[in-house]
């Protein structure tokens, strides 16, 4: 059950959008669970958080405070057209979590401890490049590379803040050379990025076609990009193309699946992928994020 059906109370006040007593959402859990890399944590105290975010060529200052979610300097139109969808705020996560827990009682405690995670709906091009960068990389390093690319070739996200920039569009990136990317320490990923940009700009990789394709066909199309394998393709599908049955498996996800479901017995990634598809079906992506959060906690 992943149909939308949650309608929180939204208030417009003093050029801010406020969602009162938001349910099933934690800003820190959602942003820092490994699904996005383009944000800064600017303040944190007593479970109150403030972040700066860049997405869809926009900057956002967002705060979670005393149970409320506050979108600073945001109009109703901007909230409805960008940020509501970005944070998946009109989806009924209470029902999703219950259905996953019913299908897998082993996950109930894990979900409870990470109950505020929501799956983001991010910009496709930026997500594609970001997860190419993520290969054999740590999150702080990924964030730095995304920020460095944005600062060098993107535009400022805020007129009054100097340390966060919008990710450059594909047309701008088309002019960026492999050598320039290597200068930013992208390493072996530089030719992969160049190839992805070229295929995107040529139309060989087309976002609308990918959205219309089923998950298996979408994954196959993404894997024609140099350096994109199953794991990166599934991350891109899950976090930017709405393929909620996608189930990325890396070394940490492999280990946590073995621990939770097989008493630590080693299984192949192919076996675990099929197991996850059978067990979670259309809710695989949600289950994967709860498991990934658990995996990060036990590293």
Foldseek 3Di string as FASTA:
>chain_A
DWDFAADFDWDQDPLKIKGALAPQAQPCLAVVLPLDQAKDWDDDDPSKTWMWGAAPQAIWIWIQDPRMIMTHNHDPVRCVVPVCQQQVRRIDLVVLLVVLCVLPVLCNVLCVVSRNYDFGAGALLLLLLLLLLVPVDDSVVSNQLQQVQQLVQFACNDPPDDRGGHHDDLVSCQPDALVNSVVSVSPPSSVLNNQSSVCVVVCLDPLVVLLPDALVVSQVSSVVRPSDDLQSSLSSCRRHNVQQLRAHDDPLNQQLCCVSPPVRDHDDPVVVNVVLCVRQPSNSNVSNSSSSSVSVVVD
